[in-house]
N, C-alpha and C. Protein backbone atom coordinates (compact mmCIF):
# COMPACT_ATOMS: atom_id res chain seq x y z
N MET A 1 -21.90 54.97 6.79
CA MET A 1 -22.68 53.75 6.62
C MET A 1 -23.49 53.46 7.88
N ALA A 2 -22.87 53.65 9.06
CA ALA A 2 -23.56 53.39 10.32
C ALA A 2 -24.77 54.31 10.47
N VAL A 3 -24.65 55.57 9.99
CA VAL A 3 -25.75 56.52 10.07
C VAL A 3 -26.93 56.03 9.23
N VAL A 4 -26.64 55.48 8.05
CA VAL A 4 -27.69 54.98 7.17
C VAL A 4 -28.41 53.81 7.83
N VAL A 5 -27.65 52.90 8.46
CA VAL A 5 -28.25 51.74 9.13
C VAL A 5 -29.13 52.20 10.29
N VAL A 6 -28.64 53.15 11.08
CA VAL A 6 -29.43 53.66 12.21
C VAL A 6 -30.69 54.35 11.70
N ALA A 7 -30.57 55.15 10.65
CA ALA A 7 -31.74 55.85 10.10
C ALA A 7 -32.75 54.85 9.56
N PHE A 8 -32.27 53.83 8.83
CA PHE A 8 -33.18 52.81 8.29
C PHE A 8 -33.87 52.06 9.43
N SER A 9 -33.12 51.72 10.48
CA SER A 9 -33.70 51.02 11.63
C SER A 9 -34.78 51.86 12.30
N ALA A 10 -34.54 53.16 12.43
CA ALA A 10 -35.53 54.04 13.05
C ALA A 10 -36.80 54.11 12.22
N VAL A 11 -36.65 54.20 10.89
CA VAL A 11 -37.82 54.24 10.01
C VAL A 11 -38.60 52.94 10.12
N ALA A 12 -37.91 51.80 10.13
CA ALA A 12 -38.58 50.50 10.24
C ALA A 12 -39.31 50.38 11.57
N LEU A 13 -38.69 50.86 12.64
CA LEU A 13 -39.33 50.80 13.96
C LEU A 13 -40.58 51.66 13.99
N LEU A 14 -40.50 52.85 13.44
CA LEU A 14 -41.67 53.73 13.43
C LEU A 14 -42.78 53.17 12.55
N ALA A 15 -42.43 52.50 11.47
CA ALA A 15 -43.45 51.91 10.60
C ALA A 15 -44.22 50.84 11.36
N GLY A 16 -43.56 50.10 12.23
CA GLY A 16 -44.22 49.07 13.02
C GLY A 16 -45.04 49.65 14.16
N CYS A 17 -44.88 50.92 14.44
CA CYS A 17 -45.60 51.56 15.53
C CYS A 17 -46.48 52.68 15.00
N GLY A 18 -46.96 52.54 13.81
CA GLY A 18 -47.74 53.60 13.16
C GLY A 18 -49.03 53.91 13.89
N THR A 19 -49.63 54.99 13.50
CA THR A 19 -50.89 55.38 14.11
C THR A 19 -52.03 55.35 13.11
N SER A 20 -51.78 54.77 11.94
CA SER A 20 -52.83 54.75 10.93
C SER A 20 -53.97 53.83 11.35
N THR A 21 -55.13 54.14 10.85
CA THR A 21 -56.30 53.31 11.11
C THR A 21 -56.96 53.01 9.78
N VAL A 22 -57.73 51.96 9.76
CA VAL A 22 -58.53 51.63 8.59
C VAL A 22 -59.90 52.27 8.75
N SER A 23 -60.44 52.18 9.96
CA SER A 23 -61.76 52.76 10.23
C SER A 23 -61.66 54.28 10.23
N ARG A 24 -62.79 54.93 10.05
CA ARG A 24 -62.81 56.39 10.00
C ARG A 24 -63.48 56.95 11.26
N GLY A 25 -62.95 58.09 11.67
CA GLY A 25 -63.53 58.77 12.83
C GLY A 25 -63.27 58.05 14.14
N VAL A 26 -62.06 57.46 14.30
CA VAL A 26 -61.73 56.77 15.54
C VAL A 26 -61.53 57.82 16.63
N THR A 27 -62.26 57.66 17.73
CA THR A 27 -62.25 58.64 18.82
C THR A 27 -61.26 58.25 19.92
N ASP A 28 -61.01 59.19 20.82
CA ASP A 28 -60.16 58.91 21.98
C ASP A 28 -60.76 57.83 22.87
N GLU A 29 -62.07 57.63 22.77
CA GLU A 29 -62.75 56.64 23.60
C GLU A 29 -62.74 55.24 22.97
N GLY A 30 -62.16 55.10 21.79
CA GLY A 30 -62.08 53.79 21.16
C GLY A 30 -63.33 53.40 20.40
N THR A 31 -64.04 54.39 19.89
CA THR A 31 -65.19 54.13 19.01
C THR A 31 -64.85 54.71 17.64
N ALA A 32 -65.68 54.44 16.66
CA ALA A 32 -65.46 54.98 15.32
C ALA A 32 -66.80 55.30 14.68
N THR A 33 -66.80 56.32 13.84
CA THR A 33 -68.03 56.67 13.13
C THR A 33 -68.28 55.74 11.96
N ASP A 34 -67.21 55.14 11.42
CA ASP A 34 -67.35 54.23 10.28
C ASP A 34 -66.36 53.08 10.45
N ILE A 35 -66.87 51.91 10.80
CA ILE A 35 -66.03 50.73 10.98
C ILE A 35 -65.69 50.17 9.60
N VAL A 36 -64.40 50.07 9.31
CA VAL A 36 -63.94 49.54 8.03
C VAL A 36 -63.02 48.37 8.30
N PHE A 37 -63.32 47.24 7.68
CA PHE A 37 -62.47 46.07 7.80
C PHE A 37 -61.50 46.04 6.62
N PRO A 38 -60.24 45.69 6.86
CA PRO A 38 -59.30 45.61 5.74
C PRO A 38 -59.64 44.44 4.82
N GLU A 39 -59.17 44.50 3.59
CA GLU A 39 -59.37 43.40 2.65
C GLU A 39 -58.61 42.19 3.18
N SER A 40 -59.28 41.05 3.24
CA SER A 40 -58.64 39.85 3.78
C SER A 40 -57.42 39.42 2.97
N SER A 41 -57.36 39.82 1.71
CA SER A 41 -56.20 39.48 0.88
C SER A 41 -54.91 40.13 1.39
N GLY A 42 -55.04 41.17 2.22
CA GLY A 42 -53.87 41.85 2.76
C GLY A 42 -53.40 41.30 4.09
N ALA A 43 -53.99 40.22 4.54
CA ALA A 43 -53.63 39.65 5.84
C ALA A 43 -52.29 38.92 5.77
N SER A 44 -51.55 38.98 6.86
CA SER A 44 -50.30 38.22 6.95
C SER A 44 -50.60 36.75 7.21
N VAL A 45 -51.76 36.46 7.77
CA VAL A 45 -52.22 35.10 8.01
C VAL A 45 -53.39 34.90 7.05
N LYS A 46 -53.11 34.48 5.84
CA LYS A 46 -54.09 34.48 4.75
C LYS A 46 -55.38 33.73 5.06
N ASP A 47 -55.28 32.55 5.64
CA ASP A 47 -56.47 31.74 5.90
C ASP A 47 -57.05 31.98 7.29
N GLY A 48 -56.41 32.81 8.09
CA GLY A 48 -56.87 33.03 9.45
C GLY A 48 -56.48 31.86 10.34
N ILE A 49 -57.00 31.90 11.55
CA ILE A 49 -56.72 30.84 12.53
C ILE A 49 -58.03 30.37 13.14
N PHE A 50 -58.00 29.17 13.71
CA PHE A 50 -59.10 28.70 14.54
C PHE A 50 -58.77 29.15 15.96
N PRO A 51 -59.43 30.20 16.45
CA PRO A 51 -59.05 30.72 17.77
C PRO A 51 -59.53 29.81 18.89
N ASN A 52 -58.88 29.93 20.02
CA ASN A 52 -59.35 29.28 21.23
C ASN A 52 -60.55 30.12 21.70
N VAL A 53 -61.75 29.56 21.60
CA VAL A 53 -62.97 30.32 21.88
C VAL A 53 -63.02 30.75 23.35
N ASP A 54 -62.48 29.93 24.25
CA ASP A 54 -62.44 30.34 25.66
C ASP A 54 -61.59 31.60 25.82
N ASN A 55 -60.48 31.69 25.11
CA ASN A 55 -59.66 32.90 25.15
C ASN A 55 -60.41 34.08 24.55
N LEU A 56 -61.09 33.84 23.46
CA LEU A 56 -61.85 34.91 22.80
C LEU A 56 -62.94 35.45 23.72
N ARG A 57 -63.54 34.59 24.52
CA ARG A 57 -64.58 35.03 25.46
C ARG A 57 -64.01 35.91 26.57
N GLN A 58 -62.72 35.83 26.83
CA GLN A 58 -62.10 36.65 27.88
C GLN A 58 -61.77 38.06 27.41
N VAL A 59 -61.84 38.29 26.11
CA VAL A 59 -61.55 39.62 25.57
C VAL A 59 -62.72 40.53 25.90
N GLY A 60 -62.41 41.68 26.47
CA GLY A 60 -63.46 42.63 26.81
C GLY A 60 -62.87 44.02 27.01
N ALA A 61 -63.74 44.97 27.24
CA ALA A 61 -63.31 46.36 27.43
C ALA A 61 -62.28 46.44 28.54
N GLY A 62 -61.20 47.15 28.26
CA GLY A 62 -60.16 47.37 29.26
C GLY A 62 -58.95 46.46 29.12
N VAL A 63 -59.02 45.41 28.29
CA VAL A 63 -57.84 44.57 28.14
C VAL A 63 -56.75 45.37 27.44
N THR A 64 -55.53 45.10 27.82
CA THR A 64 -54.40 45.79 27.21
C THR A 64 -53.97 45.06 25.95
N LYS A 65 -53.13 45.70 25.16
CA LYS A 65 -52.61 45.03 23.97
C LYS A 65 -51.83 43.78 24.34
N SER A 66 -51.08 43.86 25.42
CA SER A 66 -50.31 42.70 25.86
C SER A 66 -51.23 41.53 26.20
N GLN A 67 -52.30 41.82 26.92
CA GLN A 67 -53.26 40.76 27.26
C GLN A 67 -53.95 40.22 26.02
N LEU A 68 -54.32 41.10 25.10
CA LEU A 68 -54.95 40.67 23.86
C LEU A 68 -54.00 39.80 23.04
N TYR A 69 -52.74 40.20 22.99
CA TYR A 69 -51.73 39.42 22.28
C TYR A 69 -51.61 38.03 22.89
N ASP A 70 -51.61 37.95 24.22
CA ASP A 70 -51.53 36.65 24.88
C ASP A 70 -52.75 35.79 24.58
N LEU A 71 -53.92 36.40 24.50
CA LEU A 71 -55.16 35.64 24.27
C LEU A 71 -55.36 35.23 22.81
N LEU A 72 -55.05 36.13 21.87
CA LEU A 72 -55.38 35.89 20.46
C LEU A 72 -54.18 35.85 19.53
N GLY A 73 -53.02 36.27 20.01
CA GLY A 73 -51.86 36.34 19.14
C GLY A 73 -51.75 37.71 18.49
N ALA A 74 -50.77 37.83 17.62
CA ALA A 74 -50.54 39.09 16.92
C ALA A 74 -51.68 39.37 15.95
N PRO A 75 -51.97 40.65 15.69
CA PRO A 75 -52.99 40.95 14.69
C PRO A 75 -52.57 40.40 13.33
N HIS A 76 -53.54 40.13 12.47
CA HIS A 76 -53.28 39.45 11.20
C HIS A 76 -53.00 40.38 10.03
N PHE A 77 -52.96 41.66 10.29
CA PHE A 77 -52.68 42.63 9.24
C PHE A 77 -51.48 43.47 9.68
N ALA A 78 -51.01 44.37 8.86
CA ALA A 78 -49.79 45.14 9.15
C ALA A 78 -50.10 46.39 9.97
N GLU A 79 -50.89 46.22 11.02
CA GLU A 79 -51.26 47.38 11.84
C GLU A 79 -50.09 47.92 12.65
N GLY A 80 -49.17 47.06 13.03
CA GLY A 80 -48.13 47.45 13.96
C GLY A 80 -48.58 47.13 15.37
N ILE A 81 -47.73 47.43 16.32
CA ILE A 81 -48.01 47.08 17.71
C ILE A 81 -48.17 48.32 18.57
N GLY A 82 -47.34 49.32 18.39
CA GLY A 82 -47.25 50.48 19.27
C GLY A 82 -48.51 51.29 19.45
N ALA A 83 -48.54 52.47 18.85
CA ALA A 83 -49.62 53.44 19.09
C ALA A 83 -50.83 53.24 18.19
N VAL A 84 -50.90 52.15 17.46
CA VAL A 84 -52.05 51.94 16.57
C VAL A 84 -53.32 51.79 17.39
N ARG A 85 -54.43 52.14 16.80
CA ARG A 85 -55.70 52.19 17.52
C ARG A 85 -56.65 51.07 17.14
N GLU A 86 -56.26 50.19 16.21
CA GLU A 86 -57.12 49.06 15.89
C GLU A 86 -56.29 47.86 15.45
N TRP A 87 -56.77 46.70 15.83
CA TRP A 87 -56.17 45.43 15.41
C TRP A 87 -57.25 44.62 14.73
N ASP A 88 -56.85 43.89 13.70
CA ASP A 88 -57.79 43.06 12.94
C ASP A 88 -57.29 41.62 12.88
N TYR A 89 -58.25 40.71 12.93
CA TYR A 89 -57.96 39.28 12.88
C TYR A 89 -58.89 38.60 11.87
N ILE A 90 -58.45 37.45 11.37
CA ILE A 90 -59.31 36.57 10.58
C ILE A 90 -59.41 35.26 11.34
N PHE A 91 -60.63 34.89 11.67
CA PHE A 91 -60.88 33.66 12.42
C PHE A 91 -61.68 32.67 11.58
N GLN A 92 -61.42 31.42 11.81
CA GLN A 92 -62.19 30.33 11.22
C GLN A 92 -62.92 29.63 12.36
N PHE A 93 -64.17 29.28 12.14
CA PHE A 93 -64.96 28.56 13.14
C PHE A 93 -65.63 27.36 12.48
N ARG A 94 -65.71 26.27 13.22
CA ARG A 94 -66.48 25.12 12.74
C ARG A 94 -67.96 25.50 12.81
N ALA A 95 -68.74 24.95 11.91
CA ALA A 95 -70.17 25.30 11.84
C ALA A 95 -70.87 24.96 13.15
N ILE A 96 -71.77 25.83 13.55
CA ILE A 96 -72.60 25.58 14.72
C ILE A 96 -73.63 24.54 14.32
N PRO A 97 -73.79 23.49 15.13
CA PRO A 97 -74.80 22.47 14.79
C PRO A 97 -76.16 23.11 14.52
N GLY A 98 -76.81 22.67 13.45
CA GLY A 98 -78.12 23.20 13.10
C GLY A 98 -78.07 24.37 12.13
N THR A 99 -76.85 24.82 11.78
CA THR A 99 -76.73 25.89 10.79
C THR A 99 -76.19 25.30 9.50
N SER A 100 -76.34 26.05 8.44
CA SER A 100 -75.85 25.54 7.16
C SER A 100 -74.52 26.18 6.81
N SER A 101 -73.61 25.37 6.36
CA SER A 101 -72.32 25.84 5.88
C SER A 101 -71.82 24.78 4.90
N SER A 102 -71.55 25.18 3.68
CA SER A 102 -71.18 24.21 2.66
C SER A 102 -69.86 23.51 2.98
N THR A 103 -68.95 24.19 3.66
CA THR A 103 -67.66 23.58 3.98
C THR A 103 -67.57 23.15 5.43
N GLY A 104 -68.54 23.53 6.25
CA GLY A 104 -68.45 23.24 7.67
C GLY A 104 -67.60 24.24 8.42
N VAL A 105 -67.06 25.23 7.71
CA VAL A 105 -66.20 26.24 8.33
C VAL A 105 -66.70 27.62 7.91
N THR A 106 -66.74 28.54 8.87
CA THR A 106 -67.14 29.92 8.61
C THR A 106 -65.95 30.83 8.86
N THR A 107 -65.71 31.76 7.95
CA THR A 107 -64.64 32.74 8.10
C THR A 107 -65.23 34.05 8.60
N CYS A 108 -64.60 34.61 9.63
CA CYS A 108 -65.05 35.86 10.23
C CYS A 108 -63.87 36.81 10.38
N GLN A 109 -64.15 38.10 10.26
CA GLN A 109 -63.15 39.10 10.61
C GLN A 109 -63.55 39.71 11.95
N TYR A 110 -62.53 40.01 12.75
CA TYR A 110 -62.74 40.54 14.09
C TYR A 110 -61.86 41.77 14.24
N LYS A 111 -62.45 42.85 14.71
CA LYS A 111 -61.73 44.11 14.88
C LYS A 111 -61.83 44.57 16.32
N VAL A 112 -60.70 45.02 16.85
CA VAL A 112 -60.64 45.60 18.19
C VAL A 112 -60.19 47.04 18.04
N LEU A 113 -60.95 47.97 18.63
CA LEU A 113 -60.57 49.39 18.64
C LEU A 113 -60.09 49.74 20.05
N PHE A 114 -59.01 50.51 20.09
CA PHE A 114 -58.40 50.91 21.36
C PHE A 114 -58.67 52.39 21.63
N ASP A 115 -58.74 52.74 22.92
CA ASP A 115 -58.89 54.15 23.30
C ASP A 115 -57.52 54.82 23.29
N LYS A 116 -57.46 56.09 23.69
CA LYS A 116 -56.19 56.82 23.64
C LYS A 116 -55.17 56.27 24.64
N ALA A 117 -55.63 55.55 25.66
CA ALA A 117 -54.73 54.91 26.61
C ALA A 117 -54.31 53.52 26.13
N ILE A 118 -54.71 53.17 24.91
CA ILE A 118 -54.39 51.91 24.25
C ILE A 118 -54.94 50.71 25.02
N GLN A 119 -56.16 50.87 25.51
CA GLN A 119 -56.91 49.75 26.08
C GLN A 119 -58.08 49.45 25.14
N ALA A 120 -58.37 48.17 24.97
CA ALA A 120 -59.45 47.76 24.08
C ALA A 120 -60.77 48.32 24.59
N ARG A 121 -61.59 48.85 23.68
CA ARG A 121 -62.88 49.43 24.08
C ARG A 121 -64.05 48.87 23.29
N THR A 122 -63.92 48.75 21.98
CA THR A 122 -65.05 48.25 21.20
C THR A 122 -64.57 47.12 20.29
N PHE A 123 -65.53 46.24 19.97
CA PHE A 123 -65.23 45.00 19.26
C PHE A 123 -66.26 44.81 18.16
N HIS A 124 -65.81 44.43 16.99
CA HIS A 124 -66.69 44.36 15.82
C HIS A 124 -66.43 43.08 15.04
N TRP A 125 -67.50 42.52 14.48
CA TRP A 125 -67.43 41.30 13.68
C TRP A 125 -67.90 41.57 12.26
N LYS A 126 -67.31 40.86 11.31
CA LYS A 126 -67.77 40.87 9.92
C LYS A 126 -67.80 39.42 9.46
N PRO A 127 -68.96 38.91 9.16
CA PRO A 127 -70.29 39.50 9.33
C PRO A 127 -70.65 39.56 10.82
N ALA A 128 -71.60 40.42 11.13
CA ALA A 128 -72.02 40.63 12.52
C ALA A 128 -72.52 39.34 13.17
N SER A 129 -73.04 38.42 12.38
CA SER A 129 -73.56 37.16 12.91
C SER A 129 -72.48 36.28 13.53
N CYS A 130 -71.21 36.58 13.27
CA CYS A 130 -70.12 35.76 13.81
C CYS A 130 -70.05 35.82 15.33
N VAL A 131 -70.64 36.84 15.95
CA VAL A 131 -70.64 36.91 17.41
C VAL A 131 -71.30 35.68 18.02
N ALA A 132 -72.16 35.00 17.26
CA ALA A 132 -72.84 33.81 17.75
C ALA A 132 -71.86 32.71 18.14
N PHE A 133 -70.68 32.69 17.55
CA PHE A 133 -69.70 31.65 17.89
C PHE A 133 -69.21 31.79 19.33
N LEU A 134 -69.31 33.00 19.90
CA LEU A 134 -68.91 33.18 21.30
C LEU A 134 -69.92 32.56 22.25
N HIS A 135 -71.16 32.46 21.82
CA HIS A 135 -72.23 31.99 22.69
C HIS A 135 -72.65 30.56 22.38
N ALA A 136 -72.07 29.97 21.35
CA ALA A 136 -72.44 28.60 20.97
C ALA A 136 -71.83 27.62 21.96
N PRO A 137 -72.56 26.55 22.27
CA PRO A 137 -71.98 25.53 23.15
C PRO A 137 -70.82 24.83 22.45
N ALA A 138 -69.92 24.31 23.24
CA ALA A 138 -68.80 23.57 22.66
C ALA A 138 -69.34 22.36 21.92
N VAL A 139 -68.76 22.09 20.79
CA VAL A 139 -69.18 20.94 20.00
C VAL A 139 -68.43 19.72 20.52
N ALA A 140 -69.19 18.72 20.96
CA ALA A 140 -68.57 17.51 21.50
C ALA A 140 -67.95 16.70 20.38
N ALA A 141 -66.88 16.02 20.70
CA ALA A 141 -66.26 15.12 19.72
C ALA A 141 -67.23 13.97 19.45
N PRO A 142 -67.24 13.46 18.22
CA PRO A 142 -68.14 12.34 17.93
C PRO A 142 -67.76 11.12 18.76
N PRO A 143 -68.74 10.30 19.15
CA PRO A 143 -68.41 9.12 19.95
C PRO A 143 -67.60 8.13 19.13
N ALA A 144 -66.78 7.37 19.81
CA ALA A 144 -65.97 6.35 19.14
C ALA A 144 -66.88 5.22 18.67
N LEU A 145 -66.60 4.71 17.50
CA LEU A 145 -67.36 3.59 16.96
C LEU A 145 -66.81 2.28 17.51
N ALA A 146 -67.69 1.30 17.68
CA ALA A 146 -67.28 0.02 18.26
C ALA A 146 -66.13 -0.60 17.49
N GLN A 147 -66.13 -0.50 16.16
CA GLN A 147 -65.06 -1.14 15.39
C GLN A 147 -63.72 -0.42 15.58
N ASP A 148 -63.75 0.80 16.11
CA ASP A 148 -62.50 1.52 16.35
C ASP A 148 -61.89 1.18 17.70
N LEU A 149 -62.66 0.56 18.57
CA LEU A 149 -62.17 0.23 19.90
C LEU A 149 -61.39 -1.07 19.87
N GLN A 150 -60.29 -1.10 20.57
CA GLN A 150 -59.49 -2.32 20.67
C GLN A 150 -59.67 -2.89 22.07
N PRO A 151 -59.89 -4.20 22.17
CA PRO A 151 -60.04 -4.79 23.51
C PRO A 151 -58.71 -4.71 24.26
N HIS A 152 -58.81 -4.58 25.56
CA HIS A 152 -57.60 -4.57 26.38
C HIS A 152 -57.04 -5.98 26.42
N ARG A 153 -55.74 -6.10 26.28
CA ARG A 153 -55.09 -7.39 26.38
C ARG A 153 -54.19 -7.38 27.59
N ARG A 154 -54.11 -8.50 28.22
CA ARG A 154 -53.23 -8.63 29.36
C ARG A 154 -51.83 -8.87 28.83
N LEU A 155 -50.90 -8.10 29.31
CA LEU A 155 -49.52 -8.25 28.88
C LEU A 155 -48.80 -9.18 29.83
N GLU A 156 -48.12 -10.14 29.28
CA GLU A 156 -47.29 -11.05 30.06
C GLU A 156 -45.86 -10.55 29.97
N ILE A 157 -45.25 -10.34 31.11
CA ILE A 157 -43.88 -9.85 31.15
C ILE A 157 -43.01 -10.90 31.80
N GLU A 158 -41.96 -11.27 31.11
CA GLU A 158 -41.00 -12.21 31.67
C GLU A 158 -39.83 -11.44 32.21
N VAL A 159 -39.41 -11.79 33.40
CA VAL A 159 -38.25 -11.17 34.00
C VAL A 159 -37.14 -12.21 34.00
N ALA A 160 -36.00 -11.87 33.46
CA ALA A 160 -34.89 -12.81 33.36
C ALA A 160 -34.48 -13.29 34.75
N GLY A 161 -34.26 -14.59 34.86
CA GLY A 161 -33.80 -15.17 36.12
C GLY A 161 -34.92 -15.60 37.04
N GLU A 162 -36.16 -15.34 36.67
CA GLU A 162 -37.29 -15.78 37.51
C GLU A 162 -37.99 -16.93 36.81
N SER A 163 -38.52 -17.85 37.62
CA SER A 163 -39.26 -18.95 37.02
C SER A 163 -40.65 -19.03 37.51
């Protein structure tokens, strides 16, 4: 029985460290001849996340998987962590002022390809126009309306034993 448990554990561990890729022609340099994004229906995070854009701006060539994990979290598909050569994410962004979006939210897929040393090398967006969210200015919070503001009141505090 112990042998079966050990064998099953080893298979599960290897499955999480697979080397499969979705894209075709992934090179040792972390490029691909055909970038393929997985179907979003297969994501573990179905609706994606609203990423911290400042963290996303720090992602660049040479970041390690550990650094990428700290900046963006785990990949959103079943890529595994170990020797895999690509990670995929689904991001949600609020609409950039002046653009049209029926819901005010845009969904983007983001792919990172790693070289043979497992350092990030190339980065891809679907649709490609999503890269604009990295360069968009931060959207300021709307100003408070006068009716939402409460006037400051002076608090009177009584201390027992004082007159």
